[in-house]
C-alpha cells in the first residue's frame, strides 16, 4: 500500500505546482499577511509584471532605492527667474531703465514681466545679461543639458540674433571654456523658443555654471525702432528623482 501512495503523492504535488504557477492568490481585506523572512526575496522574471493597483501602498525603508536605479526623466525644465540676471561686466542687478549694452526689466506682451534691451534707432545694439546656475542633486551625470530662451524682436531688424555661453566656475573662482555648442540663432518678430546645446561630458550635480545671454541687432533707417523682448529662460536637464 505504501508503494502505491508515494506515486499518488508525487502526482498530486506536481499538479499543485503547475496549478499554482498560473493562479492568482488573493488575501482578504484585513486578513493575514504573507511575510518573506529575512534573506528571502521575491523575483519578477523577464516579461513578468508587479501590478500595484490604485489605493495600494509599497513601503520602502529610507535609502533603500539608490538614485542611480531610478528611471531617467529627460529634459526636465528649470526656469531661471528674471531677477537672477546681472549686467556684464559689472555684475550689477538689472534695472527697469534701458541702458545700452544691458538687458533690463520691462513689460512685454500684455502686461507680462520680462526682459528687454535698449531700443535701437537706426543703430547697432548688443545687450548682455548673465546668471549663475547650480546643477541640482537629481541631475544624471554627463547627460543632456540645454539652455532654452523664448524671445522675439519688436520690429524687423538686420540680422537680430540671440546667443549663449556657459562656463563652469572652478573651485578657485575661475571660468572654464565655453560649453555651448550651438551657434547664435536668428530671431523673428514672433515669440519662438530657441534651444542651445551644452557639452555635459564632465558635468555632475553641484557644479556651478555662469551663463551669459547676448542679443545683437542693427535697426535699419526708416523711422522705426527695434528691441528684444525675452519671455523666459530655462535650463533643461536629464534627471533621476
C-alpha atoms as a PDB file:
ATOM      1  CA  UNK A   1       0.000   0.000   0.000  1.00  0.00           C
ATOM      2  CA  UNK A   2       2.821   2.452   0.860  1.00  0.00           C
ATOM      3  CA  UNK A   3       4.430   1.920  -2.541  1.00  0.00           C
ATOM      4  CA  UNK A   4       1.175   2.962  -4.228  1.00  0.00           C
ATOM      5  CA  UNK A   5       0.763   6.048  -2.051  1.00  0.00           C
ATOM      6  CA  UNK A   6       4.142   7.533  -2.974  1.00  0.00           C
ATOM      7  CA  UNK A   7       3.456   7.876  -6.738  1.00  0.00           C
ATOM      8  CA  UNK A   8      -0.008   9.307  -5.991  1.00  0.00           C
ATOM      9  CA  UNK A   9       1.519  11.892  -3.649  1.00  0.00           C
ATOM     10  CA  UNK A  10       4.095  12.931  -6.262  1.00  0.00           C
ATOM     11  CA  UNK A  11       1.430  13.304  -8.935  1.00  0.00           C
ATOM     12  CA  UNK A  12      -0.640  15.492  -6.618  1.00  0.00           C
ATOM     13  CA  UNK A  13       2.392  17.635  -5.796  1.00  0.00           C
ATOM     14  CA  UNK A  14       3.216  18.187  -9.465  1.00  0.00           C
ATOM     15  CA  UNK A  15      -0.388  19.088 -10.258  1.00  0.00           C
ATOM     16  CA  UNK A  16      -0.446  21.589  -7.406  1.00  0.00           C
ATOM     17  CA  UNK A  17       2.813  23.202  -8.598  1.00  0.00           C
ATOM     18  CA  UNK A  18       1.514  23.514 -12.170  1.00  0.00           C
ATOM     19  CA  UNK A  19      -1.749  24.962 -10.897  1.00  0.00           C
ATOM     20  CA  UNK A  20      -0.002  27.439  -8.596  1.00  0.00           C
ATOM     21  CA  UNK A  21       2.132  28.873 -11.411  1.00  0.00           C
ATOM     22  CA  UNK A  22      -0.963  30.134 -13.218  1.00  0.00           C
ATOM     23  CA  UNK A  23      -3.199  31.013 -10.299  1.00  0.00           C
ATOM     24  CA  UNK A  24      -3.821  34.386  -8.652  1.00  0.00           C
ATOM     25  CA  UNK A  25      -3.555  34.314  -4.881  1.00  0.00           C
ATOM     26  CA  UNK A  26      -5.813  36.758  -3.050  1.00  0.00           C
ATOM     27  CA  UNK A  27      -5.528  37.903   0.550  1.00  0.00           C
ATOM     28  CA  UNK A  28      -8.811  39.031   2.029  1.00  0.00           C
ATOM     29  CA  UNK A  29      -9.009  42.623   3.155  1.00  0.00           C
ATOM     30  CA  UNK A  30      -7.974  42.791   6.776  1.00  0.00           C
ATOM     31  CA  UNK A  31      -6.783  39.211   6.642  1.00  0.00           C
ATOM     32  CA  UNK A  32      -3.414  37.701   7.386  1.00  0.00           C
ATOM     33  CA  UNK A  33      -0.361  38.984   5.532  1.00  0.00           C
ATOM     34  CA  UNK A  34       2.314  36.969   3.811  1.00  0.00           C
ATOM     35  CA  UNK A  35       5.825  37.527   5.148  1.00  0.00           C
ATOM     36  CA  UNK A  36       9.111  36.920   3.391  1.00  0.00           C
ATOM     37  CA  UNK A  37      11.669  36.115   6.073  1.00  0.00           C
ATOM     38  CA  UNK A  38      14.991  37.937   6.364  1.00  0.00           C
ATOM     39  CA  UNK A  39      17.217  36.948   3.483  1.00  0.00           C
ATOM     40  CA  UNK A  40      14.285  35.857   1.307  1.00  0.00           C
ATOM     41  CA  UNK A  41      13.302  37.502  -1.956  1.00  0.00           C
ATOM     42  CA  UNK A  42      10.522  37.887  -4.490  1.00  0.00           C
ATOM     43  CA  UNK A  43      11.675  37.627  -8.090  1.00  0.00           C
ATOM     44  CA  UNK A  44       9.723  39.026 -11.045  1.00  0.00           C
ATOM     45  CA  UNK A  45      11.243  37.359 -14.074  1.00  0.00           C
ATOM     46  CA  UNK A  46      11.627  38.792 -17.560  1.00  0.00           C
ATOM     47  CA  UNK A  47       8.213  39.531 -19.011  1.00  0.00           C
ATOM     48  CA  UNK A  48       6.555  39.472 -15.605  1.00  0.00           C
ATOM     49  CA  UNK A  49       4.664  42.372 -14.030  1.00  0.00           C
ATOM     50  CA  UNK A  50       4.287  43.505 -10.442  1.00  0.00           C
ATOM     51  CA  UNK A  51       0.869  45.168 -10.504  1.00  0.00           C
ATOM     52  CA  UNK A  52       0.253  47.665  -7.701  1.00  0.00           C
ATOM     53  CA  UNK A  53      -3.322  48.833  -8.090  1.00  0.00           C
ATOM     54  CA  UNK A  54      -4.836  52.189  -7.156  1.00  0.00           C
ATOM     55  CA  UNK A  55      -5.022  52.705  -3.420  1.00  0.00           C
ATOM     56  CA  UNK A  56      -2.207  50.275  -2.679  1.00  0.00           C
ATOM     57  CA  UNK A  57       1.000  51.204  -0.890  1.00  0.00           C
ATOM     58  CA  UNK A  58       4.565  49.942  -1.127  1.00  0.00           C
ATOM     59  CA  UNK A  59       6.540  50.791   2.000  1.00  0.00           C
ATOM     60  CA  UNK A  60      10.275  51.086   1.404  1.00  0.00           C
ATOM     61  CA  UNK A  61      12.876  51.884   4.065  1.00  0.00           C
ATOM     62  CA  UNK A  62      14.654  55.218   3.687  1.00  0.00           C
ATOM     63  CA  UNK A  63      17.645  54.952   1.378  1.00  0.00           C
ATOM     64  CA  UNK A  64      16.685  51.526   0.073  1.00  0.00           C
ATOM     65  CA  UNK A  65      16.454  52.735  -3.557  1.00  0.00           C
ATOM     66  CA  UNK A  66      19.549  54.411  -4.991  1.00  0.00           C
ATOM     67  CA  UNK A  67      19.051  57.453  -7.237  1.00  0.00           C
ATOM     68  CA  UNK A  68      21.058  55.671  -9.949  1.00  0.00           C
ATOM     69  CA  UNK A  69      18.387  52.938 -10.050  1.00  0.00           C
ATOM     70  CA  UNK A  70      15.546  55.363 -10.789  1.00  0.00           C
ATOM     71  CA  UNK A  71      14.111  55.961 -14.262  1.00  0.00           C
ATOM     72  CA  UNK A  72      15.551  58.997 -16.022  1.00  0.00           C
ATOM     73  CA  UNK A  73      13.318  61.977 -16.801  1.00  0.00           C
ATOM     74  CA  UNK A  74      14.636  63.631 -19.954  1.00  0.00           C
ATOM     75  CA  UNK A  75      14.878  67.416 -20.327  1.00  0.00           C
ATOM     76  CA  UNK A  76      13.357  68.451 -17.010  1.00  0.00           C
ATOM     77  CA  UNK A  77      12.917  72.236 -17.169  1.00  0.00           C
ATOM     78  CA  UNK A  78      14.311  74.646 -14.545  1.00  0.00           C
ATOM     79  CA  UNK A  79      13.045  78.176 -15.052  1.00  0.00           C
ATOM     80  CA  UNK A  80      15.564  80.976 -14.495  1.00  0.00           C
ATOM     81  CA  UNK A  81      13.957  83.879 -12.559  1.00  0.00           C
ATOM     82  CA  UNK A  82      14.447  87.157 -14.413  1.00  0.00           C
ATOM     83  CA  UNK A  83      15.811  88.714 -11.218  1.00  0.00           C
ATOM     84  CA  UNK A  84      18.748  86.274 -11.433  1.00  0.00           C
ATOM     85  CA  UNK A  85      20.194  88.209 -14.387  1.00  0.00           C
ATOM     86  CA  UNK A  86      23.041  90.665 -13.838  1.00  0.00           C
ATOM     87  CA  UNK A  87      24.906  93.081 -16.075  1.00  0.00           C
ATOM     88  CA  UNK A  88      28.157  92.070 -17.803  1.00  0.00           C
ATOM     89  CA  UNK A  89      30.634  93.437 -16.937  1.00  0.00           C
ATOM     90  CA  UNK A  90      29.896  94.926 -13.545  1.00  0.00           C
ATOM     91  CA  UNK A  91      27.706  92.169 -12.090  1.00  0.00           C
ATOM     92  CA  UNK A  92      25.085  94.710 -11.045  1.00  0.00           C
ATOM     93  CA  UNK A  93      21.440  93.632 -10.788  1.00  0.00           C
ATOM     94  CA  UNK A  94      19.332  94.671 -13.768  1.00  0.00           C
ATOM     95  CA  UNK A  95      17.067  97.679 -13.516  1.00  0.00           C
ATOM     96  CA  UNK A  96      13.921  98.977 -15.178  1.00  0.00           C
ATOM     97  CA  UNK A  97      15.976 101.591 -17.009  1.00  0.00           C
ATOM     98  CA  UNK A  98      17.049 100.595 -20.520  1.00  0.00           C
ATOM     99  CA  UNK A  99      20.776 101.152 -20.820  1.00  0.00           C
ATOM    100  CA  UNK A 100      22.835 100.465 -23.896  1.00  0.00           C
ATOM    101  CA  UNK A 101      24.723  97.186 -23.589  1.00  0.00           C
ATOM    102  CA  UNK A 102      22.436  95.745 -20.904  1.00  0.00           C
ATOM    103  CA  UNK A 103      19.166  93.889 -20.582  1.00  0.00           C
ATOM    104  CA  UNK A 104      16.559  95.467 -18.334  1.00  0.00           C
ATOM    105  CA  UNK A 105      13.262  94.578 -16.674  1.00  0.00           C
ATOM    106  CA  UNK A 106      10.244  95.537 -18.733  1.00  0.00           C
ATOM    107  CA  UNK A 107       6.634  94.770 -19.593  1.00  0.00           C
ATOM    108  CA  UNK A 108       6.257  92.603 -22.685  1.00  0.00           C
ATOM    109  CA  UNK A 109       3.227  91.229 -24.488  1.00  0.00           C
ATOM    110  CA  UNK A 110       0.120  92.085 -22.494  1.00  0.00           C
ATOM    111  CA  UNK A 111       1.225  93.040 -19.001  1.00  0.00           C
ATOM    112  CA  UNK A 112       3.870  90.283 -18.711  1.00  0.00           C
ATOM    113  CA  UNK A 113       7.053  90.891 -16.725  1.00  0.00           C
ATOM    114  CA  UNK A 114      10.073  90.036 -18.864  1.00  0.00           C
ATOM    115  CA  UNK A 115      13.421  91.260 -20.113  1.00  0.00           C
ATOM    116  CA  UNK A 116      14.004  93.888 -22.782  1.00  0.00           C
ATOM    117  CA  UNK A 117      17.014  95.511 -24.422  1.00  0.00           C
ATOM    118  CA  UNK A 118      17.981  99.087 -25.184  1.00  0.00           C
ATOM    119  CA  UNK A 119      15.790 100.420 -28.012  1.00  0.00           C
ATOM    120  CA  UNK A 120      17.904 100.772 -31.142  1.00  0.00           C
ATOM    121  CA  UNK A 121      17.083 103.551 -33.607  1.00  0.00           C
ATOM    122  CA  UNK A 122      19.000 103.345 -36.881  1.00  0.00           C
ATOM    123  CA  UNK A 123      21.924 101.866 -34.964  1.00  0.00           C
ATOM    124  CA  UNK A 124      23.584  98.624 -33.890  1.00  0.00           C
ATOM    125  CA  UNK A 125      22.924  97.358 -30.341  1.00  0.00           C
ATOM    126  CA  UNK A 126      24.395  94.447 -28.367  1.00  0.00           C
ATOM    127  CA  UNK A 127      22.912  93.621 -24.948  1.00  0.00           C
ATOM    128  CA  UNK A 128      24.333  91.086 -22.473  1.00  0.00           C
ATOM    129  CA  UNK A 129      22.973  89.602 -19.251  1.00  0.00           C
ATOM    130  CA  UNK A 130      24.345  86.753 -17.124  1.00  0.00           C
ATOM    131  CA  UNK A 131      23.278  84.471 -14.270  1.00  0.00           C
ATOM    132  CA  UNK A 132      24.659  81.564 -12.245  1.00  0.00           C
ATOM    133  CA  UNK A 133      23.087  78.106 -12.358  1.00  0.00           C
ATOM    134  CA  UNK A 134      23.896  75.316  -9.875  1.00  0.00           C
ATOM    135  CA  UNK A 135      23.481  71.794 -11.264  1.00  0.00           C
ATOM    136  CA  UNK A 136      20.845  70.202  -8.949  1.00  0.00           C
ATOM    137  CA  UNK A 137      21.335  66.955  -6.958  1.00  0.00           C
ATOM    138  CA  UNK A 138      18.959  64.993  -9.200  1.00  0.00           C
ATOM    139  CA  UNK A 139      20.993  65.633 -12.375  1.00  0.00           C
ATOM    140  CA  UNK A 140      22.066  62.426 -14.149  1.00  0.00           C
ATOM    141  CA  UNK A 141      25.830  62.978 -14.507  1.00  0.00           C
ATOM    142  CA  UNK A 142      27.145  63.696 -18.019  1.00  0.00           C
ATOM    143  CA  UNK A 143      23.658  63.519 -19.547  1.00  0.00           C
ATOM    144  CA  UNK A 144      21.844  66.160 -21.619  1.00  0.00           C
ATOM    145  CA  UNK A 145      21.988  69.847 -20.636  1.00  0.00           C
ATOM    146  CA  UNK A 146      20.321  72.565 -22.726  1.00  0.00           C
ATOM    147  CA  UNK A 147      19.525  76.267 -22.454  1.00  0.00           C
ATOM    148  CA  UNK A 148      16.208  77.475 -23.857  1.00  0.00           C
ATOM    149  CA  UNK A 149      15.022  81.033 -24.405  1.00  0.00           C
ATOM    150  CA  UNK A 150      11.678  82.290 -25.677  1.00  0.00           C
ATOM    151  CA  UNK A 151      12.066  85.730 -27.263  1.00  0.00           C
ATOM    152  CA  UNK A 152      11.325  87.996 -30.229  1.00  0.00           C
ATOM    153  CA  UNK A 153      12.396  91.252 -31.903  1.00  0.00           C
ATOM    154  CA  UNK A 154       9.796  94.038 -31.870  1.00  0.00           C
ATOM    155  CA  UNK A 155      10.423  95.195 -35.450  1.00  0.00           C
ATOM    156  CA  UNK A 156      12.250  93.834 -38.469  1.00  0.00           C
ATOM    157  CA  UNK A 157      15.942  94.463 -37.869  1.00  0.00           C
ATOM    158  CA  UNK A 158      19.112  93.496 -39.702  1.00  0.00           C
ATOM    159  CA  UNK A 159      20.243  90.030 -38.519  1.00  0.00           C
ATOM    160  CA  UNK A 160      18.826  90.036 -34.991  1.00  0.00           C
ATOM    161  CA  UNK A 161      20.448  87.126 -33.132  1.00  0.00           C
ATOM    162  CA  UNK A 162      20.387  85.554 -29.681  1.00  0.00           C
ATOM    163  CA  UNK A 163      23.357  83.615 -28.309  1.00  0.00           C
ATOM    164  CA  UNK A 164      24.553  81.956 -25.089  1.00  0.00           C
ATOM    165  CA  UNK A 165      27.784  80.998 -23.395  1.00  0.00           C
ATOM    166  CA  UNK A 166      28.057  78.613 -20.421  1.00  0.00           C
ATOM    167  CA  UNK A 167      31.246  78.352 -18.398  1.00  0.00           C
ATOM    168  CA  UNK A 168      31.915  76.218 -15.344  1.00  0.00           C
ATOM    169  CA  UNK A 169      33.107  78.071 -12.241  1.00  0.00           C
ATOM    170  CA  UNK A 170      36.106  76.314 -10.704  1.00  0.00           C
ATOM    171  CA  UNK A 171      36.887  75.875  -7.010  1.00  0.00           C
ATOM    172  CA  UNK A 172      39.344  78.778  -7.338  1.00  0.00           C
ATOM    173  CA  UNK A 173      36.716  81.099  -8.885  1.00  0.00           C
ATOM    174  CA  UNK A 174      37.968  80.954 -12.466  1.00  0.00           C
ATOM    175  CA  UNK A 175      35.851  80.426 -15.565  1.00  0.00           C
ATOM    176  CA  UNK A 176      36.310  77.395 -17.803  1.00  0.00           C
ATOM    177  CA  UNK A 177      35.871  77.246 -21.566  1.00  0.00           C
ATOM    178  CA  UNK A 178      32.542  77.897 -23.254  1.00  0.00           C
ATOM    179  CA  UNK A 179      30.438  74.698 -23.177  1.00  0.00           C
ATOM    180  CA  UNK A 180      27.694  75.882 -25.578  1.00  0.00           C
ATOM    181  CA  UNK A 181      27.999  74.188 -28.971  1.00  0.00           C
ATOM    182  CA  UNK A 182      25.044  75.843 -30.724  1.00  0.00           C
ATOM    183  CA  UNK A 183      25.783  78.964 -32.786  1.00  0.00           C
ATOM    184  CA  UNK A 184      23.866  82.241 -32.474  1.00  0.00           C
ATOM    185  CA  UNK A 185      20.305  81.922 -33.798  1.00  0.00           C
ATOM    186  CA  UNK A 186      18.298  84.418 -35.842  1.00  0.00           C
ATOM    187  CA  UNK A 187      15.288  85.847 -34.004  1.00  0.00           C
ATOM    188  CA  UNK A 188      11.930  86.657 -35.638  1.00  0.00           C
ATOM    189  CA  UNK A 189       9.136  89.098 -34.789  1.00  0.00           C
ATOM    190  CA  UNK A 190       7.136  86.289 -33.103  1.00  0.00           C
ATOM    191  CA  UNK A 191       7.847  84.638 -29.765  1.00  0.00           C
ATOM    192  CA  UNK A 192       9.789  81.460 -30.547  1.00  0.00           C
ATOM    193  CA  UNK A 193      11.747  79.117 -28.267  1.00  0.00           C
ATOM    194  CA  UNK A 194      15.407  78.678 -29.246  1.00  0.00           C
ATOM    195  CA  UNK A 195      17.488  75.777 -27.884  1.00  0.00           C
ATOM    196  CA  UNK A 196      21.230  75.766 -27.204  1.00  0.00           C
ATOM    197  CA  UNK A 197      23.129  72.527 -26.519  1.00  0.00           C
ATOM    198  CA  UNK A 198      25.702  72.373 -23.712  1.00  0.00           C
ATOM    199  CA  UNK A 199      28.644  69.966 -23.617  1.00  0.00           C
ATOM    200  CA  UNK A 200      27.953  67.970 -20.449  1.00  0.00           C
ATOM    201  CA  UNK A 201      30.665  65.280 -20.514  1.00  0.00           C
ATOM    202  CA  UNK A 202      32.260  66.437 -17.265  1.00  0.00           C
ATOM    203  CA  UNK A 203      29.225  67.942 -15.538  1.00  0.00           C
ATOM    204  CA  UNK A 204      27.923  66.486 -12.272  1.00  0.00           C
ATOM    205  CA  UNK A 205      25.496  67.563  -9.567  1.00  0.00           C
ATOM    206  CA  UNK A 206      26.838  70.517  -7.603  1.00  0.00           C
ATOM    207  CA  UNK A 207      28.775  72.100 -10.476  1.00  0.00           C
ATOM    208  CA  UNK A 208      28.088  75.814 -10.983  1.00  0.00           C
ATOM    209  CA  UNK A 209      27.761  77.394 -14.412  1.00  0.00           C
ATOM    210  CA  UNK A 210      27.982  81.062 -15.332  1.00  0.00           C
ATOM    211  CA  UNK A 211      25.638  81.539 -18.266  1.00  0.00           C
ATOM    212  CA  UNK A 212      25.548  84.702 -20.391  1.00  0.00           C
ATOM    213  CA  UNK A 213      22.864  85.683 -22.922  1.00  0.00           C
ATOM    214  CA  UNK A 214      23.755  88.055 -25.777  1.00  0.00           C
ATOM    215  CA  UNK A 215      21.242  89.780 -28.059  1.00  0.00           C
ATOM    216  CA  UNK A 216      22.539  91.571 -31.143  1.00  0.00           C
ATOM    217  CA  UNK A 217      20.729  93.609 -33.807  1.00  0.00           C
ATOM    218  CA  UNK A 218      21.009  96.550 -36.166  1.00  0.00           C
ATOM    219  CA  UNK A 219      17.963  98.744 -36.550  1.00  0.00           C
ATOM    220  CA  UNK A 220      17.588  99.955 -40.154  1.00  0.00           C
ATOM    221  CA  UNK A 221      16.846 103.529 -41.189  1.00  0.00           C
ATOM    222  CA  UNK A 222      13.226 104.431 -41.798  1.00  0.00           C
ATOM    223  CA  UNK A 223      11.767 105.844 -38.609  1.00  0.00           C
ATOM    224  CA  UNK A 224      11.082 102.577 -36.720  1.00  0.00           C
ATOM    225  CA  UNK A 225      12.921 101.336 -33.641  1.00  0.00           C
ATOM    226  CA  UNK A 226      13.808  97.795 -32.557  1.00  0.00           C
ATOM    227  CA  UNK A 227      14.268  95.988 -29.260  1.00  0.00           C
ATOM    228  CA  UNK A 228      14.416  92.410 -27.999  1.00  0.00           C
ATOM    229  CA  UNK A 229      11.774  91.004 -25.670  1.00  0.00           C
ATOM    230  CA  UNK A 230      12.570  87.878 -23.620  1.00  0.00           C
ATOM    231  CA  UNK A 231       9.638  85.937 -22.186  1.00  0.00           C
ATOM    232  CA  UNK A 232      11.669  83.392 -20.193  1.00  0.00           C
ATOM    233  CA  UNK A 233      14.910  81.413 -19.991  1.00  0.00           C
ATOM    234  CA  UNK A 234      15.165  77.772 -18.900  1.00  0.00           C
ATOM    235  CA  UNK A 235      17.920  75.243 -18.293  1.00  0.00           C
ATOM    236  CA  UNK A 236      16.787  71.701 -19.108  1.00  0.00           C
ATOM    237  CA  UNK A 237      18.495  68.604 -17.697  1.00  0.00           C
ATOM    238  CA  UNK A 238      18.203  64.826 -17.730  1.00  0.00           C
ATOM    239  CA  UNK A 239      17.420  63.923 -14.114  1.00  0.00           C
ATOM    240  CA  UNK A 240      16.684  60.966 -11.846  1.00  0.00           C
ATOM    241  CA  UNK A 241      14.379  61.587  -8.924  1.00  0.00           C
END
